[in-house]
Structures are given as structure tokens and as C-alpha cells.
Amino acid sequence: MNHSSLLRPLFRCAIRCLSVCLSLSLWAVTEPELHFGKPDFTLLEEANQIDQIYARKGLIVTDPEITGYVESVGNKLLANQPPLENVTFKFRVIRDPVVNAFALPNGSVYVTSGLIARLQNEAQLAGVLSHEITHVSRRHGYLHNRDMRKKMVVIDIFQGAAAVGGAMAQGAANASNAAMSAAQSAALLKQELVGMSLQAAGQLGQAVMVASIFGYSREQEREADDSGIGRMMKAGYDPHAIPQALGLLDEHLEYEPIITFYRDHPKISDRIAETTKLADAPPASVFATFSESDYLAKFAPVIVYNIRADLSSRRERTALARTKRLLAWNPDDLSYQILMADCYRSLGAKSPEPNTEELTRHGVAEDRKLYFQHTEAEEQHTLRSKADGQAQLKLNRQSAEQTYLSVISKDPSKFEAYLGLGFLYEEEDRKAEAAQQYQQFLKVAPSDNYQRLRIQRRSENLQKSLSSAPTF
């Protein structure tokens, strides 16, 4: 008998168990000691300034219940971790419809409203925070910055200072996503809300922001995933929530102007496979369960904000999907019904979900062209020029009108429904009916409503147009 052939499987099993144990204990390893130099202090100051910019621009959600809840999840994951030099952990939700989360080297962890709107429960949120905590604890921001500085010196010597800007973006990608193209950057400037967290930081801390948004090296991101599994288990969360959350992010409703780490780096399917393998490895344990209903009760205001942000950023399909989720949770909420009507109206000639053709490579390229090279009005014109576009426009408008009227019949004080109907009728060139709805809005809306003056003028212009129209 060949004893070595019998021992080989046992040896492989032992090695596998050992590697799993090492991965799951990463969070408990003494964090690397960092001897701060001038570049590190500069990076730290940039991170602090980015925090201040976000606060000054009003991008951070300040609701005490929401902030307290996210802080409680983050602190549960930190457990008894020893303090780190120049790190104060803070966990915040930031207003940005891009699906993402990122951590600055000073300990500020941000989860975008776009990601909050996609997750389903507390355990999945904990998985995201666990990943980001590792980036801070393992000093990935500082290590990335040092690596970038070395590359910059080489580039400066051999290619000249003119090449630095482009090389910086390429170096920041570091075996992951490339930074935004010029076309993407230009498109972002046209949008009100998409990528606000990136735009707000501007040129400040360019290297750290690019890495935070688009991801660090493949090894560092894998380390963050692996360590996150162990950290979650220690805090009592089911580690399978990480691959579950990643599965939710593989969504293809419409073209995404920014592909962040949470959507692409490395490919989601690879991350799901790797984190599932790690989560399956330890012996079965009983973990606390967390419901989607409880999660939505905490974050409904953030999701509502994000729906409106999506509508302002030409992401109507995403907005509709999130609204339907809220209605499935609370179908009698008239505010959610009005939001759904707004979504259908905003879709125009666009279908609520992509068709088979749109999901092909050609379809994705066509969506990209419509997004970057056309205004919203031009895109709608292109869609309406097609027979199926006209049919879809009619269906969407019917859905919007019926929903607005249904809300008014249930509660005539819902002034937002009159406003939506006014916009809809004006778009359909039903001027008299639009003016009537605007007048109803002005009667019912609070006196301090910020839209009153605009709608008053709009109504007056319609009335003038109607009075000057020729009669036959």
C-alpha cells in the first residue's frame, strides 16, 4: 500500500483548514506598525479635509437615528480592537446614487445612499463595513499612496511632468479598474447627483479618492474580503451575507456612468465565489437573523432620497425598482405611490426594464452613446421615433396618470400628486388640464413649499397661452 497516497488528501485538508483559519483570524492580527512620515501626514490632512468638504456641502446624512444605527453596526464589528494611531472610526451614509462604499485613511467609512438602497438587511451592511474597516486597519490608504509616489517619481524621470496626470489615474487603478475616462468625467459634470462624493472631493486627495472609489490592489481587496469574513463571525453576523450582498450588486437595469469597486473590481462573480468558499469553510454556527422589513424601517428616508436622486440623474429604471421595493414593504403608503407615478412619468418612452437586445454588447454600447452623447430630451426623441417607443410612452403615461388619480381619490390633500399630474398633462400638451392641476397644487400645498413660485409662474404662462390661442 502506498501510504503517501493516503496521507496526501489529509495533508491537503490540513493545509486548507490552516489557510482558512489564518484568513479568518486576519482581523485579530496586530495591525502593521506605520512610521508616519511627511507624505503620510499630508495624506491624513487630505482625508480630514475631504470629511469637512462632505459636511460643508451637506452630503452626509445627519439624521441621528440613521447615523446612530450605522455607528452601532460599525462599532459592533470593531469590538475590542486596539486603537490605531491617527485613526478615529466614523461610519456615515453619504448622499450619492452611485452604488459604493469607501474608507479614508483617517477612519471615516462612507456608505453611499445608492448602496444603502440596494442592500437588504443589517448583516449585509455589516459585510460592507467589515471590508472597509480592513482597508483602514491594514493601512491600505497609506501603502497605496507610498506606492503611487514611487511610480510618480519614475514617470517624472522618464516621461516628464506632462505625463503625470494620466499615469496617476492608471497607477491608482493598480490591477483593478482604470480611472474614469475623460468622457465619463465630462458626463458627470452634466449630472446633478451621480458621483457627488467623487466630485465634491475635486482635486483634493486625488490618489486616495481614486483608490477608495475604484478599489485598491487585487491583493488588498482580497485581504479586505477575507478579513471581513472573520470580523463578521466574531461580531455574530452570518458571513454568507457578504456574497449575498455582492449578488445583489450584479444588477443590469441601465448604463452605469461610474463602475466602482463594488460593481466591478474584481469581477463580482469571482468575489462571490471566493467569499462563499470562505464563509462555507468554518463549522456551521447559529447566527443572528436580520429581516429586510427592519432594515427598510431604518433606511426608508435614505432610499426615498436616493430614488429622487436617481430620477435627477437619468436612472429612471433604478428609481422605479427601488420604489417598487418600498411599495412591496408598505403598499398603502401614498407617498411611495406618488413616487412610483413620478418614475413612470420620467421613463417616457423607455421600458421599465431592459429588453434582451439592451443586455447585449451592442445594446450596452448604444446605451452608453445615448447617455454620454445625448441630453435627456434627445434620448427621449430617439426612443419616441421608434414604434415600440411610442407604445411604451403611452403605457408609462397611463400608469402614471392612473396612479396619481388613485392617490388623489384616497387623499385629496396629497399636493405632490397634483403637481405630477400637471407635469404629465403639460408633456402631453393638455394645457387646460395641466393648468387646472397646477391650480389645485397651489390651493393644497403649504404656503412655504419651495415650488410654489415656480408653479405659479408656470400656471400663469399656461393661462396666457390658452387665452391667446385662436378659437374656431
Protein backbone atom coordinates (compact mmCIF):
# COMPACT_ATOMS: atom_id res chain seq x y z
CA MET A 1 0.00 0.00 0.00
CA ASN A 2 1.24 3.48 -0.87
CA HIS A 3 0.95 5.34 2.44
CA SER A 4 1.85 8.63 0.80
CA SER A 5 -1.26 8.43 -1.39
CA LEU A 6 -3.39 8.08 1.74
CA LEU A 7 -1.68 10.90 3.54
CA ARG A 8 -1.81 13.30 0.60
CA PRO A 9 -5.58 14.09 0.92
CA LEU A 10 -5.21 14.50 4.67
CA PHE A 11 -2.28 16.84 4.13
CA ARG A 12 -4.24 18.91 1.60
CA CYS A 13 -7.18 19.08 4.01
CA ALA A 14 -4.93 20.24 6.85
CA ILE A 15 -3.36 22.91 4.66
CA ARG A 16 -6.81 24.11 3.60
CA CYS A 17 -8.04 24.29 7.19
CA LEU A 18 -4.92 26.14 8.23
CA SER A 19 -5.30 28.68 5.41
CA VAL A 20 -8.93 29.24 6.32
CA CYS A 21 -8.07 29.75 9.98
CA LEU A 22 -5.38 32.22 9.02
CA SER A 23 -7.78 34.10 6.77
CA LEU A 24 -10.49 34.24 9.41
CA SER A 25 -8.07 35.48 12.05
CA LEU A 26 -6.65 38.30 9.95
CA TRP A 27 -8.78 40.80 11.82
CA ALA A 28 -7.15 39.80 15.12
CA VAL A 29 -3.56 40.07 13.88
CA THR A 30 -1.64 43.03 15.23
CA GLU A 31 -2.11 45.72 12.64
CA PRO A 32 1.03 46.78 10.77
CA GLU A 33 3.01 49.46 12.51
CA LEU A 34 3.28 52.56 10.37
CA HIS A 35 6.02 55.07 10.99
CA PHE A 36 4.42 58.28 9.83
CA GLY A 37 6.47 60.48 7.54
CA LYS A 38 5.65 63.78 5.88
CA PRO A 39 3.75 62.21 2.92
CA ASP A 40 1.63 60.21 5.38
CA PHE A 41 0.71 63.28 7.40
CA THR A 42 -0.14 65.08 4.16
CA LEU A 43 -2.47 62.23 3.20
CA LEU A 44 -4.04 62.29 6.66
CA GLU A 45 -4.72 66.02 6.35
CA GLU A 46 -6.28 65.50 2.92
CA ALA A 47 -8.60 62.86 4.37
CA ASN A 48 -9.64 65.24 7.15
CA GLN A 49 -10.32 67.95 4.58
CA ILE A 50 -12.45 65.59 2.49
CA ASP A 51 -14.56 64.93 5.60
CA GLN A 52 -15.01 68.68 6.02
CA ILE A 53 -15.97 69.15 2.37
CA TYR A 54 -18.65 66.47 2.59
CA ALA A 55 -20.08 68.04 5.74
CA ARG A 56 -19.95 71.58 4.32
CA LYS A 57 -21.72 70.55 1.12
CA GLY A 58 -24.45 68.76 3.06
CA LEU A 59 -23.68 65.37 1.51
CA ILE A 60 -23.65 63.46 4.80
CA VAL A 61 -26.94 62.13 6.12
CA THR A 62 -27.29 63.70 9.57
CA ASP A 63 -30.48 62.03 10.80
CA PRO A 64 -29.48 60.93 14.34
CA GLU A 65 -31.37 57.63 14.16
CA ILE A 66 -29.75 56.63 10.86
CA THR A 67 -26.30 57.79 11.95
CA GLY A 68 -26.65 56.06 15.32
CA TYR A 69 -27.72 52.82 13.68
CA VAL A 70 -24.82 52.72 11.21
CA GLU A 71 -22.40 53.64 14.00
CA SER A 72 -23.74 50.81 16.17
CA VAL A 73 -23.15 48.24 13.42
CA GLY A 74 -19.65 49.56 12.78
CA ASN A 75 -18.74 49.61 16.47
CA LYS A 76 -20.01 46.05 16.89
CA LEU A 77 -17.55 44.98 14.19
CA LEU A 78 -14.67 46.86 15.81
CA ALA A 79 -15.30 45.00 19.09
CA ASN A 80 -12.22 45.38 21.29
CA GLN A 81 -9.79 46.25 18.52
CA PRO A 82 -6.92 48.29 19.97
CA PRO A 83 -6.83 51.94 18.91
CA LEU A 84 -4.77 52.84 15.86
CA GLU A 85 -2.54 55.87 15.60
CA ASN A 86 -4.23 58.76 13.78
CA VAL A 87 -7.45 56.79 13.26
CA THR A 88 -10.88 57.69 14.61
CA PHE A 89 -13.50 55.38 13.17
CA LYS A 90 -16.69 57.08 11.99
CA PHE A 91 -19.43 55.40 9.96
CA ARG A 92 -21.60 57.62 7.78
CA VAL A 93 -24.14 57.47 4.96
CA ILE A 94 -23.35 59.87 2.11
CA ARG A 95 -25.84 61.17 -0.46
CA ASP A 96 -24.73 59.66 -3.76
CA PRO A 97 -26.78 57.35 -6.00
CA VAL A 98 -23.66 55.53 -7.20
CA VAL A 99 -23.52 52.09 -5.55
CA ASN A 100 -20.36 52.24 -3.47
CA ALA A 101 -18.67 52.36 -0.08
CA PHE A 102 -15.20 53.64 0.74
CA ALA A 103 -12.93 54.40 3.68
CA LEU A 104 -10.46 57.22 4.17
CA PRO A 105 -7.18 56.50 5.99
CA ASN A 106 -8.29 58.61 8.99
CA GLY A 107 -11.03 56.06 9.77
CA SER A 108 -14.01 57.72 8.07
CA VAL A 109 -16.11 54.99 6.45
CA TYR A 110 -18.77 56.12 3.97
CA VAL A 111 -21.63 54.09 2.50
CA THR A 112 -23.46 55.76 -0.36
CA SER A 113 -27.22 56.11 -0.39
CA GLY A 114 -27.12 54.11 -3.63
CA LEU A 115 -25.63 51.11 -1.82
CA ILE A 116 -27.96 51.52 1.17
CA ALA A 117 -30.89 51.41 -1.27
CA ARG A 118 -29.65 48.10 -2.70
CA LEU A 119 -28.81 46.12 0.46
CA GLN A 120 -31.48 44.05 2.21
CA ASN A 121 -30.53 43.65 5.84
CA GLU A 122 -28.14 44.57 8.64
CA ALA A 123 -25.84 41.58 8.08
CA GLN A 124 -25.17 42.70 4.50
CA LEU A 125 -24.42 46.21 5.72
CA ALA A 126 -22.05 44.71 8.28
CA GLY A 127 -20.27 42.87 5.47
CA VAL A 128 -19.65 46.13 3.63
CA LEU A 129 -18.40 47.90 6.76
CA SER A 130 -16.15 44.94 7.63
CA HIS A 131 -14.47 45.19 4.25
CA GLU A 132 -13.85 48.91 4.64
CA ILE A 133 -12.60 48.61 8.23
CA THR A 134 -9.82 46.36 6.96
CA HIS A 135 -8.67 49.00 4.47
CA VAL A 136 -8.21 51.39 7.39
CA SER A 137 -6.77 48.88 9.87
CA ARG A 138 -4.28 47.44 7.40
CA ARG A 139 -3.22 50.98 6.35
CA HIS A 140 -4.05 50.32 2.69
CA GLY A 141 -4.55 54.02 2.00
CA TYR A 142 -1.06 54.92 3.19
CA LEU A 143 0.57 51.92 1.48
CA HIS A 144 -1.19 52.76 -1.75
CA ASN A 145 -0.10 56.40 -1.51
CA ARG A 146 3.53 55.42 -0.93
CA ASP A 147 3.43 53.08 -3.91
CA MET A 148 1.89 55.83 -6.02
CA ARG A 149 4.62 58.27 -5.05
CA LYS A 150 7.33 55.82 -6.16
CA LYS A 151 5.62 55.33 -9.51
CA MET A 152 5.25 59.05 -9.93
CA VAL A 153 9.00 59.60 -9.47
CA VAL A 154 9.81 57.03 -12.15
CA ILE A 155 7.27 58.54 -14.52
CA ASP A 156 8.60 62.03 -13.88
CA ILE A 157 12.13 60.96 -14.71
CA PHE A 158 11.40 59.01 -17.88
CA GLN A 159 8.29 60.62 -19.31
CA GLY A 160 8.26 64.14 -17.98
CA ALA A 161 5.89 66.03 -15.81
CA ALA A 162 3.27 66.25 -18.56
CA ALA A 163 2.55 62.53 -18.26
CA VAL A 164 1.96 62.58 -14.53
CA GLY A 165 -1.78 63.20 -14.58
CA GLY A 166 -2.59 60.27 -16.83
CA ALA A 167 -0.16 57.96 -15.10
CA MET A 168 -1.67 58.85 -11.77
CA ALA A 169 -5.05 57.58 -12.86
CA GLN A 170 -3.51 54.42 -14.29
CA GLY A 171 -1.43 53.79 -11.20
CA ALA A 172 -4.45 54.30 -8.99
CA ALA A 173 -6.25 51.51 -10.80
CA ASN A 174 -3.37 49.17 -9.84
CA ALA A 175 -4.51 45.94 -11.42
CA SER A 176 -8.14 46.85 -10.96
CA ASN A 177 -10.46 49.30 -12.74
CA ALA A 178 -9.00 52.10 -14.76
CA ALA A 179 -9.98 55.53 -13.50
CA MET A 180 -12.75 57.45 -15.20
CA SER A 181 -12.24 58.30 -18.83
CA ALA A 182 -12.42 61.90 -19.98
CA ALA A 183 -15.84 61.19 -21.45
CA GLN A 184 -17.09 59.83 -18.14
CA SER A 185 -15.74 62.82 -16.26
CA ALA A 186 -17.38 65.22 -18.69
CA ALA A 187 -20.67 63.37 -18.42
CA LEU A 188 -20.56 63.55 -14.66
CA LEU A 189 -20.32 67.30 -14.79
CA LYS A 190 -23.67 67.32 -16.58
CA GLN A 191 -25.34 65.31 -13.85
CA GLU A 192 -26.67 66.83 -10.67
CA LEU A 193 -26.08 63.97 -8.30
CA VAL A 194 -24.30 60.95 -9.77
CA GLY A 195 -20.83 60.60 -8.28
CA MET A 196 -21.22 63.56 -5.92
CA SER A 197 -18.84 62.02 -3.39
CA LEU A 198 -16.11 61.95 -6.04
CA GLN A 199 -16.90 65.36 -7.50
CA ALA A 200 -17.03 67.07 -4.11
CA ALA A 201 -13.51 65.98 -3.25
CA GLY A 202 -12.32 67.50 -6.54
CA GLN A 203 -8.58 67.55 -6.97
CA LEU A 204 -8.00 67.19 -3.25
CA GLY A 205 -6.51 63.84 -2.33
CA GLN A 206 -6.77 62.57 -5.88
CA ALA A 207 -4.83 59.37 -5.28
CA VAL A 208 -6.67 58.31 -2.16
CA MET A 209 -10.07 59.15 -3.64
CA VAL A 210 -9.46 57.19 -6.84
CA ALA A 211 -8.30 54.19 -4.84
CA SER A 212 -11.22 54.48 -2.44
CA ILE A 213 -13.80 54.72 -5.21
CA PHE A 214 -12.34 52.27 -7.72
CA GLY A 215 -10.51 49.90 -5.41
CA TYR A 216 -7.02 49.11 -4.20
CA SER A 217 -4.78 46.32 -5.48
CA ARG A 218 -6.35 42.92 -6.04
CA GLU A 219 -4.39 41.54 -3.09
CA GLN A 220 -5.52 44.30 -0.74
CA GLU A 221 -9.15 43.93 -1.82
CA ARG A 222 -8.99 40.19 -1.33
CA GLU A 223 -7.46 40.76 2.10
CA ALA A 224 -10.36 43.07 2.95
CA ASP A 225 -12.89 40.43 1.87
CA ASP A 226 -11.12 37.65 3.77
CA SER A 227 -10.67 39.68 6.93
CA GLY A 228 -14.27 40.86 6.69
CA ILE A 229 -15.47 37.25 6.95
CA GLY A 230 -13.63 36.71 10.24
CA ARG A 231 -14.66 40.07 11.64
CA MET A 232 -18.33 39.38 10.88
CA MET A 233 -18.26 35.97 12.55
CA LYS A 234 -16.68 37.42 15.65
CA ALA A 235 -19.46 40.02 15.82
CA GLY A 236 -22.17 37.38 15.42
CA TYR A 237 -23.08 38.04 11.78
CA ASP A 238 -23.52 35.29 9.21
CA PRO A 239 -20.53 35.66 6.84
CA HIS A 240 -22.68 34.42 3.94
CA ALA A 241 -24.18 37.92 3.95
CA ILE A 242 -21.09 39.13 2.08
CA PRO A 243 -21.58 37.00 -1.06
CA GLN A 244 -25.33 37.61 -0.78
CA ALA A 245 -24.78 41.36 -0.87
CA LEU A 246 -22.38 41.02 -3.80
CA GLY A 247 -25.04 39.07 -5.69
CA LEU A 248 -27.47 41.95 -5.25
CA LEU A 249 -25.00 44.37 -6.81
CA ASP A 250 -24.79 42.45 -10.09
CA GLU A 251 -27.71 44.43 -11.46
CA HIS A 252 -28.18 45.47 -15.08
CA LEU A 253 -31.05 47.93 -15.25
CA GLU A 254 -29.31 50.71 -17.16
CA TYR A 255 -25.92 52.02 -18.16
CA GLU A 256 -23.77 52.97 -15.17
CA PRO A 257 -21.63 56.09 -15.78
CA ILE A 258 -19.25 55.09 -12.97
CA ILE A 259 -18.22 51.47 -12.38
CA THR A 260 -16.95 51.37 -8.80
CA PHE A 261 -15.18 48.62 -6.92
CA TYR A 262 -18.50 47.35 -5.59
CA ARG A 263 -19.66 46.75 -9.15
CA ASP A 264 -16.55 45.53 -10.93
CA HIS A 265 -13.26 45.00 -9.06
CA PRO A 266 -12.51 42.15 -9.30
CA LYS A 267 -15.45 40.78 -11.21
CA ILE A 268 -18.38 40.24 -8.89
CA SER A 269 -18.74 36.58 -9.85
CA ASP A 270 -15.16 35.92 -8.73
CA ARG A 271 -15.69 37.71 -5.43
CA ILE A 272 -18.93 35.84 -4.79
CA ALA A 273 -17.17 32.50 -5.37
CA GLU A 274 -14.22 33.40 -3.14
CA THR A 275 -16.25 34.78 -0.24
CA THR A 276 -18.75 31.91 -0.41
CA LYS A 277 -15.86 29.46 -0.15
CA LEU A 278 -14.53 31.24 2.93
CA ALA A 279 -17.98 31.53 4.52
CA ASP A 280 -18.63 27.80 3.96
CA ALA A 281 -15.30 26.68 5.44
CA PRO A 282 -15.86 27.07 9.21
CA PRO A 283 -18.12 24.67 11.11
CA ALA A 284 -21.81 25.52 10.90
CA SER A 285 -22.82 28.09 13.52
CA VAL A 286 -26.01 29.78 14.61
CA PHE A 287 -26.01 33.47 13.77
CA ALA A 288 -28.50 36.20 14.47
CA THR A 289 -31.07 36.76 11.73
CA PHE A 290 -31.98 40.18 10.34
CA SER A 291 -35.12 40.98 8.36
CA GLU A 292 -35.49 43.19 5.32
CA SER A 293 -38.52 44.80 6.95
CA ASP A 294 -36.44 46.05 9.89
CA TYR A 295 -33.77 47.27 7.51
CA LEU A 296 -36.28 49.26 5.42
CA ALA A 297 -37.84 50.73 8.55
CA LYS A 298 -34.40 52.16 9.41
CA PHE A 299 -33.38 53.35 5.95
CA ALA A 300 -36.64 54.24 4.14
CA PRO A 301 -35.85 58.02 4.24
CA VAL A 302 -32.43 57.39 2.67
CA ILE A 303 -33.96 55.18 -0.02
CA VAL A 304 -36.62 57.80 -0.81
CA TYR A 305 -33.89 60.44 -1.16
CA ASN A 306 -31.94 58.11 -3.42
CA ILE A 307 -34.97 57.45 -5.63
CA ARG A 308 -35.30 61.18 -6.24
CA ALA A 309 -31.55 61.41 -6.84
CA ASP A 310 -31.80 58.61 -9.40
CA LEU A 311 -34.64 60.43 -11.15
CA SER A 312 -32.48 63.56 -11.30
CA SER A 313 -29.63 61.55 -12.78
CA ARG A 314 -31.39 59.78 -15.67
CA ARG A 315 -31.63 56.50 -13.76
CA GLU A 316 -35.39 56.06 -14.04
CA ARG A 317 -35.33 52.25 -14.11
CA THR A 318 -33.30 52.09 -10.93
CA ALA A 319 -35.63 54.59 -9.28
CA LEU A 320 -38.68 52.52 -10.24
CA ALA A 321 -37.13 49.28 -8.98
CA ARG A 322 -36.33 50.85 -5.59
CA THR A 323 -39.84 52.37 -5.36
CA LYS A 324 -41.49 49.03 -6.08
CA ARG A 325 -39.40 47.55 -3.29
CA LEU A 326 -40.72 50.14 -0.83
CA LEU A 327 -44.29 49.51 -2.02
CA ALA A 328 -43.87 45.75 -1.57
CA TRP A 329 -42.91 46.52 2.02
CA ASN A 330 -45.61 49.15 2.64
CA PRO A 331 -48.18 49.06 -0.20
CA ASP A 332 -50.57 51.56 1.44
CA ASP A 333 -48.07 54.41 1.67
CA LEU A 334 -49.41 57.10 -0.66
CA SER A 335 -46.06 58.89 -0.80
CA TYR A 336 -44.48 55.77 -2.28
CA GLN A 337 -47.35 55.53 -4.78
CA ILE A 338 -46.69 59.11 -5.89
CA LEU A 339 -43.02 58.24 -6.28
CA MET A 340 -43.97 55.30 -8.49
CA ALA A 341 -46.11 57.59 -10.66
CA ASP A 342 -43.16 60.02 -10.90
CA CYS A 343 -40.97 57.13 -12.06
CA TYR A 344 -43.37 56.06 -14.80
CA ARG A 345 -43.72 59.65 -15.97
CA SER A 346 -39.94 60.11 -16.04
CA LEU A 347 -39.43 56.90 -18.02
CA GLY A 348 -41.09 58.50 -21.01
CA ALA A 349 -40.58 56.13 -23.94
CA LYS A 350 -38.11 53.95 -22.03
CA SER A 351 -39.21 50.49 -20.89
CA PRO A 352 -39.22 49.85 -17.12
CA GLU A 353 -36.69 47.04 -17.61
CA PRO A 354 -34.06 46.47 -20.28
CA ASN A 355 -35.01 44.16 -23.11
CA THR A 356 -32.85 41.32 -24.38
CA GLU A 357 -31.20 43.47 -27.03
CA GLU A 358 -30.14 46.11 -24.49
CA LEU A 359 -28.27 43.49 -22.47
CA THR A 360 -26.08 42.51 -25.42
CA ARG A 361 -22.72 44.13 -26.03
CA HIS A 362 -24.21 46.20 -28.84
CA GLY A 363 -27.10 47.24 -26.61
CA VAL A 364 -24.78 48.35 -23.81
CA ALA A 365 -22.74 50.39 -26.31
CA GLU A 366 -25.94 52.01 -27.57
CA ASP A 367 -26.99 52.89 -24.01
CA ARG A 368 -23.57 54.42 -23.41
CA LYS A 369 -23.90 56.54 -26.53
CA LEU A 370 -27.36 57.74 -25.52
CA TYR A 371 -26.12 58.61 -22.04
CA PHE A 372 -22.96 60.47 -22.95
CA GLN A 373 -23.76 61.97 -26.34
CA HIS A 374 -27.41 62.92 -25.87
CA THR A 375 -29.31 65.11 -23.49
CA GLU A 376 -32.30 63.58 -21.78
CA ALA A 377 -34.61 65.27 -24.31
CA GLU A 378 -32.53 63.97 -27.23
CA GLU A 379 -32.55 60.46 -25.81
CA GLN A 380 -36.34 60.57 -25.47
CA HIS A 381 -36.66 61.88 -29.04
CA THR A 382 -34.63 58.92 -30.31
CA LEU A 383 -36.75 56.44 -28.36
CA ARG A 384 -40.03 58.02 -29.45
CA SER A 385 -39.04 57.81 -33.10
CA LYS A 386 -39.49 54.05 -32.88
CA ALA A 387 -42.87 52.34 -32.96
CA ASP A 388 -42.27 50.39 -29.78
CA GLY A 389 -41.11 53.62 -28.13
CA GLN A 390 -44.45 55.29 -28.85
CA ALA A 391 -46.29 52.29 -27.43
CA GLN A 392 -44.12 52.30 -24.31
CA LEU A 393 -44.61 56.04 -23.85
CA LYS A 394 -48.39 55.55 -23.89
CA LEU A 395 -48.21 52.71 -21.34
CA ASN A 396 -45.94 54.63 -18.97
CA ARG A 397 -48.10 57.75 -19.11
CA GLN A 398 -51.24 55.70 -18.46
CA SER A 399 -49.60 54.07 -15.42
CA ALA A 400 -48.52 57.46 -14.09
CA GLU A 401 -51.91 59.11 -14.61
CA GLN A 402 -53.88 56.25 -13.05
CA THR A 403 -51.60 56.21 -10.01
CA TYR A 404 -51.77 59.99 -9.47
CA LEU A 405 -55.58 59.94 -9.75
CA SER A 406 -55.81 56.95 -7.40
CA VAL A 407 -53.79 58.80 -4.75
CA ILE A 408 -55.95 61.93 -5.06
CA SER A 409 -59.11 59.86 -4.70
CA LYS A 410 -57.76 58.39 -1.47
CA ASP A 411 -56.36 61.64 -0.05
CA PRO A 412 -57.07 64.97 -1.83
CA SER A 413 -54.50 66.71 0.37
CA LYS A 414 -51.58 64.97 -1.38
CA PHE A 415 -50.41 68.03 -3.29
CA GLU A 416 -47.47 66.21 -4.91
CA ALA A 417 -49.98 64.18 -6.96
CA TYR A 418 -51.50 67.35 -8.46
CA LEU A 419 -48.01 68.54 -9.33
CA GLY A 420 -47.14 65.29 -11.05
CA LEU A 421 -50.39 65.34 -12.99
CA GLY A 422 -49.73 68.91 -14.07
CA PHE A 423 -46.30 67.96 -15.43
CA LEU A 424 -47.76 64.91 -17.16
CA TYR A 425 -50.60 66.81 -18.83
CA GLU A 426 -48.26 69.58 -19.93
CA GLU A 427 -45.95 66.99 -21.51
CA GLU A 428 -48.99 65.63 -23.37
CA ASP A 429 -49.93 69.17 -24.49
CA ARG A 430 -53.14 69.04 -22.45
CA LYS A 431 -52.64 72.63 -21.38
CA ALA A 432 -56.04 73.32 -19.82
CA GLU A 433 -55.89 70.20 -17.68
CA ALA A 434 -52.28 70.95 -16.71
CA ALA A 435 -53.23 74.47 -15.59
CA GLN A 436 -56.10 73.05 -13.57
CA GLN A 437 -53.80 70.63 -11.76
CA TYR A 438 -51.27 73.38 -11.05
CA GLN A 439 -54.05 75.47 -9.52
CA GLN A 440 -55.05 72.54 -7.32
CA PHE A 441 -51.43 72.21 -6.23
CA LEU A 442 -51.31 75.89 -5.27
CA LYS A 443 -54.54 75.53 -3.25
CA VAL A 444 -53.36 72.48 -1.30
CA ALA A 445 -49.57 72.85 -0.98
CA PRO A 446 -48.18 74.52 2.17
CA SER A 447 -47.52 78.23 1.85
CA ASP A 448 -43.79 77.70 2.36
CA ASN A 449 -43.43 74.96 -0.28
CA TYR A 450 -40.32 75.74 -2.31
CA GLN A 451 -42.05 75.01 -5.64
CA ARG A 452 -44.97 77.40 -5.24
CA LEU A 453 -43.43 80.37 -7.07
CA ARG A 454 -42.24 78.24 -9.99
CA ILE A 455 -45.63 76.56 -10.37
CA GLN A 456 -47.45 79.90 -10.04
CA ARG A 457 -45.48 81.26 -12.99
CA ARG A 458 -45.94 78.05 -14.94
CA SER A 459 -49.68 78.19 -14.40
CA GLU A 460 -49.85 81.85 -15.46
CA ASN A 461 -47.94 81.12 -18.66
CA LEU A 462 -50.32 78.31 -19.50
CA GLN A 463 -53.31 80.54 -18.88
CA LYS A 464 -51.87 83.21 -21.19
CA SER A 465 -51.21 80.58 -23.83
CA LEU A 466 -54.77 79.34 -23.59
CA SER A 467 -56.32 82.82 -23.71
CA SER A 468 -54.29 83.81 -26.77
CA ALA A 469 -55.00 80.61 -28.68
CA PRO A 470 -57.24 81.10 -31.73
CA THR A 471 -60.80 79.84 -31.47
CA PHE A 472 -62.66 78.22 -34.33
